[in-house]
Amino acid sequence: MTTAIAIVLFLIFVFISSIHFYWAFGGKWGGDAVLPTKDDNNTKVLNPTILPTLIVAFGFLGFGLFVLIISGLIDFNVPHWLSKYGLWIIAGIFMLRAIGDFNYVGFFKKIKQTKFGKNDTKYFSPLCLAIGILAVILELTK
């Protein structure tokens, strides 16, 4: 079961990372529906440039590789503290993202009727919750 969860998490992280690399290098597809907007559905709350988008892309790729390392599918030495707390950190990041900021993102957001808000409720927040739960399960079964 550990291997299956690790592979699923790795594939999710690689997919999300790939999308961010696509956006960082000028891709436009989907970009209008993945950034929070104010109530007017036009004013973006965030306007990330190439550098933050690349940081996120490499971060997701790093999470994916870390999951493979922790599950034993890749042999690579990581510091003891990272092997002890890394999955808890990943789980915490994604569970907090699922809960949200109580305004624009997460299950408890106020602004829900924008294009992003609807996508966040249907796809992004549930995915973040699933990643968090899978990371906890992986940690408890490793």
N, C-alpha and C. Protein backbone atom coordinates (compact mmCIF):
# COMPACT_ATOMS: atom_id res chain seq x y z
N MET A 1 0.83 -1.19 0.00
CA MET A 1 0.00 0.00 0.00
C MET A 1 0.88 1.27 0.00
N THR A 2 1.99 1.21 0.73
CA THR A 2 2.88 2.36 0.79
C THR A 2 3.38 2.73 -0.59
N THR A 3 3.76 1.73 -1.37
CA THR A 3 4.27 1.99 -2.72
C THR A 3 3.20 2.64 -3.59
N ALA A 4 1.98 2.15 -3.52
CA ALA A 4 0.90 2.71 -4.33
C ALA A 4 0.62 4.16 -3.96
N ILE A 5 0.58 4.45 -2.66
CA ILE A 5 0.34 5.83 -2.22
C ILE A 5 1.48 6.73 -2.68
N ALA A 6 2.71 6.24 -2.54
CA ALA A 6 3.87 7.04 -2.96
C ALA A 6 3.82 7.34 -4.45
N ILE A 7 3.47 6.36 -5.24
CA ILE A 7 3.40 6.57 -6.69
C ILE A 7 2.28 7.55 -7.04
N VAL A 8 1.13 7.42 -6.40
CA VAL A 8 0.02 8.35 -6.65
C VAL A 8 0.44 9.78 -6.28
N LEU A 9 1.03 9.95 -5.12
CA LEU A 9 1.48 11.28 -4.71
C LEU A 9 2.53 11.82 -5.68
N PHE A 10 3.48 10.97 -6.06
CA PHE A 10 4.51 11.40 -7.01
C PHE A 10 3.88 11.87 -8.32
N LEU A 11 2.94 11.11 -8.85
CA LEU A 11 2.30 11.49 -10.11
C LEU A 11 1.52 12.80 -9.98
N ILE A 12 0.84 12.98 -8.87
CA ILE A 12 0.11 14.23 -8.64
C ILE A 12 1.10 15.40 -8.62
N PHE A 13 2.18 15.25 -7.86
CA PHE A 13 3.17 16.32 -7.76
C PHE A 13 3.83 16.62 -9.09
N VAL A 14 4.16 15.58 -9.86
CA VAL A 14 4.79 15.80 -11.17
C VAL A 14 3.82 16.49 -12.12
N PHE A 15 2.56 16.10 -12.08
CA PHE A 15 1.56 16.74 -12.94
C PHE A 15 1.42 18.23 -12.61
N ILE A 16 1.29 18.55 -11.32
CA ILE A 16 1.14 19.94 -10.91
C ILE A 16 2.42 20.72 -11.23
N SER A 17 3.56 20.09 -11.01
CA SER A 17 4.84 20.73 -11.34
C SER A 17 4.92 21.04 -12.83
N SER A 18 4.52 20.10 -13.65
CA SER A 18 4.56 20.29 -15.11
C SER A 18 3.70 21.46 -15.55
N ILE A 19 2.53 21.58 -14.96
CA ILE A 19 1.65 22.71 -15.29
C ILE A 19 2.33 24.03 -14.93
N HIS A 20 2.98 24.08 -13.78
CA HIS A 20 3.66 25.31 -13.37
C HIS A 20 4.85 25.63 -14.28
N PHE A 21 5.59 24.61 -14.71
CA PHE A 21 6.66 24.85 -15.68
C PHE A 21 6.09 25.39 -16.99
N TYR A 22 4.98 24.83 -17.42
CA TYR A 22 4.30 25.30 -18.64
C TYR A 22 3.95 26.78 -18.52
N TRP A 23 3.36 27.18 -17.37
CA TRP A 23 3.01 28.58 -17.16
C TRP A 23 4.25 29.46 -17.06
N ALA A 24 5.29 28.98 -16.40
CA ALA A 24 6.51 29.77 -16.24
C ALA A 24 7.15 30.09 -17.58
N PHE A 25 7.01 29.18 -18.53
CA PHE A 25 7.62 29.39 -19.84
C PHE A 25 6.65 29.93 -20.87
N GLY A 26 5.57 30.57 -20.39
CA GLY A 26 4.69 31.32 -21.27
C GLY A 26 3.37 30.69 -21.62
N GLY A 27 3.09 29.50 -21.12
CA GLY A 27 1.81 28.86 -21.42
C GLY A 27 0.64 29.65 -20.84
N LYS A 28 -0.46 29.64 -21.54
CA LYS A 28 -1.63 30.41 -21.11
C LYS A 28 -2.81 29.53 -20.69
N TRP A 29 -2.86 28.30 -21.19
CA TRP A 29 -4.02 27.45 -20.94
C TRP A 29 -4.28 27.31 -19.43
N GLY A 30 -5.50 27.54 -19.03
CA GLY A 30 -5.92 27.36 -17.65
C GLY A 30 -5.52 28.46 -16.70
N GLY A 31 -4.70 29.37 -17.15
CA GLY A 31 -4.18 30.41 -16.26
C GLY A 31 -5.24 31.34 -15.69
N ASP A 32 -6.33 31.53 -16.41
CA ASP A 32 -7.37 32.45 -15.93
C ASP A 32 -8.26 31.84 -14.87
N ALA A 33 -8.14 30.54 -14.63
CA ALA A 33 -9.03 29.89 -13.67
C ALA A 33 -8.31 29.37 -12.43
N VAL A 34 -7.02 29.66 -12.31
CA VAL A 34 -6.27 29.10 -11.19
C VAL A 34 -5.73 30.15 -10.23
N LEU A 35 -6.01 31.40 -10.50
CA LEU A 35 -5.59 32.46 -9.58
C LEU A 35 -6.82 33.12 -8.96
N PRO A 36 -6.79 33.32 -7.64
CA PRO A 36 -7.94 33.93 -6.99
C PRO A 36 -8.19 35.35 -7.50
N THR A 37 -9.46 35.67 -7.61
CA THR A 37 -9.86 37.01 -8.03
C THR A 37 -10.81 37.60 -6.99
N LYS A 38 -10.93 38.90 -7.04
CA LYS A 38 -11.88 39.57 -6.15
C LYS A 38 -13.30 39.30 -6.67
N ASP A 39 -14.28 39.82 -5.98
CA ASP A 39 -15.69 39.57 -6.33
C ASP A 39 -16.03 39.91 -7.77
N ASP A 40 -15.30 40.85 -8.37
CA ASP A 40 -15.61 41.26 -9.74
C ASP A 40 -15.20 40.21 -10.78
N ASN A 41 -14.51 39.14 -10.35
CA ASN A 41 -14.08 38.04 -11.20
C ASN A 41 -13.01 38.45 -12.21
N ASN A 42 -12.49 39.68 -12.12
CA ASN A 42 -11.46 40.14 -13.04
C ASN A 42 -10.17 40.57 -12.35
N THR A 43 -10.27 41.14 -11.17
CA THR A 43 -9.10 41.65 -10.46
C THR A 43 -8.42 40.50 -9.72
N LYS A 44 -7.24 40.12 -10.20
CA LYS A 44 -6.52 39.01 -9.58
C LYS A 44 -5.90 39.44 -8.26
N VAL A 45 -5.97 38.55 -7.30
CA VAL A 45 -5.38 38.79 -5.99
C VAL A 45 -3.86 38.60 -6.08
N LEU A 46 -3.42 37.68 -6.92
CA LEU A 46 -2.00 37.39 -7.14
C LEU A 46 -1.68 37.56 -8.61
N ASN A 47 -0.50 38.04 -8.89
CA ASN A 47 0.00 38.12 -10.27
C ASN A 47 1.43 37.59 -10.29
N PRO A 48 1.60 36.28 -10.17
CA PRO A 48 2.96 35.74 -10.07
C PRO A 48 3.75 35.92 -11.37
N THR A 49 5.02 36.20 -11.20
CA THR A 49 5.92 36.31 -12.35
C THR A 49 6.61 34.97 -12.57
N ILE A 50 7.58 34.94 -13.45
CA ILE A 50 8.25 33.69 -13.80
C ILE A 50 8.94 33.07 -12.59
N LEU A 51 9.68 33.86 -11.83
CA LEU A 51 10.46 33.31 -10.71
C LEU A 51 9.61 32.60 -9.67
N PRO A 52 8.54 33.21 -9.14
CA PRO A 52 7.73 32.47 -8.16
C PRO A 52 7.08 31.24 -8.76
N THR A 53 6.71 31.31 -10.03
CA THR A 53 6.09 30.15 -10.68
C THR A 53 7.11 29.01 -10.80
N LEU A 54 8.34 29.34 -11.12
CA LEU A 54 9.39 28.32 -11.18
C LEU A 54 9.70 27.74 -9.80
N ILE A 55 9.68 28.59 -8.77
CA ILE A 55 9.91 28.11 -7.42
C ILE A 55 8.84 27.10 -7.03
N VAL A 56 7.59 27.41 -7.34
CA VAL A 56 6.49 26.48 -7.05
C VAL A 56 6.66 25.20 -7.85
N ALA A 57 7.02 25.32 -9.13
CA ALA A 57 7.20 24.14 -9.98
C ALA A 57 8.29 23.22 -9.41
N PHE A 58 9.44 23.81 -9.05
CA PHE A 58 10.52 23.01 -8.47
C PHE A 58 10.13 22.46 -7.10
N GLY A 59 9.34 23.23 -6.35
CA GLY A 59 8.87 22.75 -5.05
C GLY A 59 8.01 21.50 -5.18
N PHE A 60 7.06 21.53 -6.11
CA PHE A 60 6.22 20.35 -6.32
C PHE A 60 7.06 19.16 -6.80
N LEU A 61 8.00 19.41 -7.69
CA LEU A 61 8.88 18.34 -8.16
C LEU A 61 9.70 17.78 -7.00
N GLY A 62 10.18 18.67 -6.14
CA GLY A 62 10.92 18.23 -4.96
C GLY A 62 10.07 17.40 -4.02
N PHE A 63 8.82 17.81 -3.82
CA PHE A 63 7.91 17.02 -2.99
C PHE A 63 7.74 15.62 -3.57
N GLY A 64 7.56 15.55 -4.88
CA GLY A 64 7.38 14.25 -5.52
C GLY A 64 8.59 13.36 -5.34
N LEU A 65 9.77 13.91 -5.57
CA LEU A 65 10.99 13.12 -5.39
C LEU A 65 11.19 12.72 -3.94
N PHE A 66 10.86 13.62 -3.03
CA PHE A 66 10.96 13.31 -1.59
C PHE A 66 10.07 12.13 -1.23
N VAL A 67 8.87 12.11 -1.75
CA VAL A 67 7.94 11.01 -1.47
C VAL A 67 8.54 9.68 -1.95
N LEU A 68 9.14 9.69 -3.14
CA LEU A 68 9.78 8.46 -3.64
C LEU A 68 10.96 8.05 -2.77
N ILE A 69 11.72 9.01 -2.28
CA ILE A 69 12.87 8.70 -1.41
C ILE A 69 12.40 8.10 -0.09
N ILE A 70 11.42 8.76 0.53
CA ILE A 70 10.92 8.30 1.83
C ILE A 70 10.29 6.92 1.73
N SER A 71 9.64 6.65 0.61
CA SER A 71 8.99 5.35 0.45
C SER A 71 9.98 4.26 0.04
N GLY A 72 11.23 4.63 -0.22
CA GLY A 72 12.24 3.64 -0.57
C GLY A 72 12.31 3.31 -2.05
N LEU A 73 11.57 4.01 -2.87
CA LEU A 73 11.60 3.74 -4.31
C LEU A 73 12.83 4.36 -4.98
N ILE A 74 13.41 5.36 -4.34
CA ILE A 74 14.67 5.96 -4.79
C ILE A 74 15.61 5.91 -3.59
N ASP A 75 16.84 5.49 -3.84
CA ASP A 75 17.83 5.42 -2.77
C ASP A 75 18.63 6.72 -2.75
N PHE A 76 18.39 7.53 -1.73
CA PHE A 76 19.07 8.81 -1.59
C PHE A 76 19.04 9.17 -0.11
N ASN A 77 20.17 9.60 0.40
CA ASN A 77 20.24 9.97 1.82
C ASN A 77 19.72 11.38 2.02
N VAL A 78 18.80 11.52 2.95
CA VAL A 78 18.31 12.84 3.35
C VAL A 78 18.63 13.01 4.84
N PRO A 79 18.73 14.24 5.30
CA PRO A 79 19.00 14.45 6.73
C PRO A 79 17.93 13.77 7.59
N HIS A 80 18.35 13.33 8.76
CA HIS A 80 17.44 12.61 9.66
C HIS A 80 16.19 13.42 9.98
N TRP A 81 16.36 14.71 10.27
CA TRP A 81 15.21 15.54 10.61
C TRP A 81 14.21 15.59 9.46
N LEU A 82 14.73 15.60 8.22
CA LEU A 82 13.84 15.66 7.06
C LEU A 82 13.09 14.35 6.88
N SER A 83 13.77 13.23 7.08
CA SER A 83 13.07 11.96 6.95
C SER A 83 12.06 11.76 8.08
N LYS A 84 12.33 12.40 9.22
CA LYS A 84 11.42 12.27 10.37
C LYS A 84 10.19 13.18 10.24
N TYR A 85 10.39 14.41 9.73
CA TYR A 85 9.31 15.40 9.73
C TYR A 85 8.82 15.80 8.33
N GLY A 86 9.50 15.39 7.29
CA GLY A 86 9.18 15.86 5.94
C GLY A 86 7.75 15.60 5.50
N LEU A 87 7.28 14.38 5.70
CA LEU A 87 5.90 14.08 5.30
C LEU A 87 4.89 14.83 6.14
N TRP A 88 5.22 15.06 7.42
CA TRP A 88 4.32 15.85 8.27
C TRP A 88 4.26 17.29 7.77
N ILE A 89 5.40 17.81 7.32
CA ILE A 89 5.43 19.17 6.78
C ILE A 89 4.59 19.26 5.51
N ILE A 90 4.76 18.30 4.62
CA ILE A 90 3.98 18.28 3.38
C ILE A 90 2.49 18.17 3.70
N ALA A 91 2.15 17.25 4.60
CA ALA A 91 0.73 17.09 4.99
C ALA A 91 0.19 18.39 5.57
N GLY A 92 0.97 19.04 6.42
CA GLY A 92 0.52 20.29 7.03
C GLY A 92 0.30 21.38 6.01
N ILE A 93 1.23 21.52 5.06
CA ILE A 93 1.09 22.53 4.01
C ILE A 93 -0.22 22.35 3.26
N PHE A 94 -0.50 21.12 2.85
CA PHE A 94 -1.68 20.90 2.01
C PHE A 94 -2.98 20.89 2.81
N MET A 95 -2.94 20.48 4.06
CA MET A 95 -4.15 20.56 4.87
C MET A 95 -4.49 22.02 5.18
N LEU A 96 -3.45 22.81 5.47
CA LEU A 96 -3.70 24.24 5.69
C LEU A 96 -4.22 24.90 4.43
N ARG A 97 -3.69 24.51 3.28
CA ARG A 97 -4.19 25.06 2.01
C ARG A 97 -5.65 24.67 1.79
N ALA A 98 -6.01 23.45 2.15
CA ALA A 98 -7.40 23.01 2.01
C ALA A 98 -8.32 23.82 2.92
N ILE A 99 -7.88 24.09 4.13
CA ILE A 99 -8.67 24.91 5.04
C ILE A 99 -8.78 26.32 4.47
N GLY A 100 -7.66 26.88 4.06
CA GLY A 100 -7.66 28.15 3.36
C GLY A 100 -7.38 29.36 4.21
N ASP A 101 -7.54 30.52 3.57
CA ASP A 101 -7.28 31.81 4.23
C ASP A 101 -8.56 32.47 4.72
N PHE A 102 -9.68 31.79 4.57
CA PHE A 102 -11.01 32.28 4.98
C PHE A 102 -11.49 33.46 4.15
N ASN A 103 -10.82 33.73 3.05
CA ASN A 103 -11.24 34.82 2.19
C ASN A 103 -11.31 34.38 0.73
N TYR A 104 -10.17 33.98 0.15
CA TYR A 104 -10.13 33.65 -1.28
C TYR A 104 -9.92 32.17 -1.59
N VAL A 105 -9.23 31.43 -0.73
CA VAL A 105 -8.92 30.03 -1.01
C VAL A 105 -9.35 29.13 0.13
N GLY A 106 -9.56 27.87 -0.19
CA GLY A 106 -9.87 26.85 0.80
C GLY A 106 -11.36 26.61 0.96
N PHE A 107 -11.65 25.59 1.74
CA PHE A 107 -13.05 25.21 1.96
C PHE A 107 -13.84 26.28 2.69
N PHE A 108 -13.18 27.11 3.47
CA PHE A 108 -13.88 28.10 4.29
C PHE A 108 -13.76 29.52 3.74
N LYS A 109 -13.56 29.66 2.45
CA LYS A 109 -13.41 30.98 1.83
C LYS A 109 -14.76 31.71 1.79
N LYS A 110 -14.70 33.04 1.76
CA LYS A 110 -15.90 33.87 1.66
C LYS A 110 -16.29 34.07 0.19
N ILE A 111 -15.30 34.30 -0.65
CA ILE A 111 -15.57 34.60 -2.06
C ILE A 111 -15.59 33.29 -2.85
N LYS A 112 -16.80 32.82 -3.13
CA LYS A 112 -16.98 31.49 -3.73
C LYS A 112 -17.51 31.52 -5.15
N GLN A 113 -18.07 32.62 -5.60
CA GLN A 113 -18.77 32.63 -6.88
C GLN A 113 -17.91 33.05 -8.07
N THR A 114 -16.63 33.28 -7.85
CA THR A 114 -15.75 33.60 -8.97
C THR A 114 -15.38 32.31 -9.68
N LYS A 115 -14.78 32.44 -10.85
CA LYS A 115 -14.34 31.25 -11.60
C LYS A 115 -13.34 30.44 -10.76
N PHE A 116 -12.37 31.15 -10.16
CA PHE A 116 -11.42 30.46 -9.29
C PHE A 116 -12.13 29.84 -8.09
N GLY A 117 -13.02 30.60 -7.47
CA GLY A 117 -13.71 30.11 -6.28
C GLY A 117 -14.45 28.81 -6.54
N LYS A 118 -15.12 28.72 -7.67
CA LYS A 118 -15.83 27.48 -8.03
C LYS A 118 -14.84 26.34 -8.27
N ASN A 119 -13.76 26.62 -8.99
CA ASN A 119 -12.75 25.59 -9.24
C ASN A 119 -12.07 25.16 -7.95
N ASP A 120 -11.85 26.12 -7.07
CA ASP A 120 -11.21 25.80 -5.80
C ASP A 120 -12.09 24.87 -4.97
N THR A 121 -13.39 25.14 -4.95
CA THR A 121 -14.31 24.31 -4.19
C THR A 121 -14.42 22.91 -4.78
N LYS A 122 -14.46 22.82 -6.11
CA LYS A 122 -14.65 21.52 -6.77
C LYS A 122 -13.38 20.71 -6.91
N TYR A 123 -12.24 21.37 -7.14
CA TYR A 123 -11.02 20.64 -7.50
C TYR A 123 -9.84 20.90 -6.56
N PHE A 124 -9.45 22.17 -6.40
CA PHE A 124 -8.18 22.47 -5.75
C PHE A 124 -8.16 22.13 -4.27
N SER A 125 -9.16 22.57 -3.53
CA SER A 125 -9.19 22.27 -2.09
C SER A 125 -9.35 20.78 -1.82
N PRO A 126 -10.25 20.06 -2.52
CA PRO A 126 -10.31 18.62 -2.29
C PRO A 126 -9.00 17.90 -2.63
N LEU A 127 -8.32 18.35 -3.69
CA LEU A 127 -7.03 17.76 -4.04
C LEU A 127 -6.02 18.00 -2.93
N CYS A 128 -5.98 19.21 -2.40
CA CYS A 128 -5.05 19.51 -1.31
C CYS A 128 -5.35 18.67 -0.08
N LEU A 129 -6.62 18.50 0.24
CA LEU A 129 -7.00 17.66 1.37
C LEU A 129 -6.58 16.21 1.12
N ALA A 130 -6.79 15.72 -0.09
CA ALA A 130 -6.39 14.34 -0.43
C ALA A 130 -4.88 14.18 -0.32
N ILE A 131 -4.12 15.15 -0.80
CA ILE A 131 -2.66 15.08 -0.69
C ILE A 131 -2.26 15.04 0.78
N GLY A 132 -2.87 15.89 1.59
CA GLY A 132 -2.56 15.90 3.02
C GLY A 132 -2.86 14.58 3.69
N ILE A 133 -4.00 14.01 3.39
CA ILE A 133 -4.38 12.73 3.98
C ILE A 133 -3.45 11.62 3.51
N LEU A 134 -3.14 11.59 2.22
CA LEU A 134 -2.23 10.56 1.70
C LEU A 134 -0.84 10.69 2.31
N ALA A 135 -0.38 11.91 2.53
CA ALA A 135 0.93 12.11 3.16
C ALA A 135 0.92 11.59 4.59
N VAL A 136 -0.16 11.83 5.32
CA VAL A 136 -0.28 11.32 6.69
C VAL A 136 -0.29 9.79 6.67
N ILE A 137 -1.07 9.21 5.79
CA ILE A 137 -1.12 7.75 5.70
C ILE A 137 0.25 7.18 5.37
N LEU A 138 0.94 7.81 4.41
CA LEU A 138 2.28 7.36 4.05
C LEU A 138 3.22 7.45 5.25
N GLU A 139 3.14 8.52 5.99
CA GLU A 139 3.99 8.67 7.18
C GLU A 139 3.69 7.59 8.22
N LEU A 140 2.43 7.33 8.43
CA LEU A 140 2.05 6.35 9.47
C LEU A 140 2.34 4.90 9.07
N THR A 141 2.49 4.65 7.78
CA THR A 141 2.72 3.28 7.32
C THR A 141 4.15 3.03 6.86
N LYS A 142 5.01 4.04 6.95
CA LYS A 142 6.39 3.82 6.46
C LYS A 142 7.22 3.05 7.45
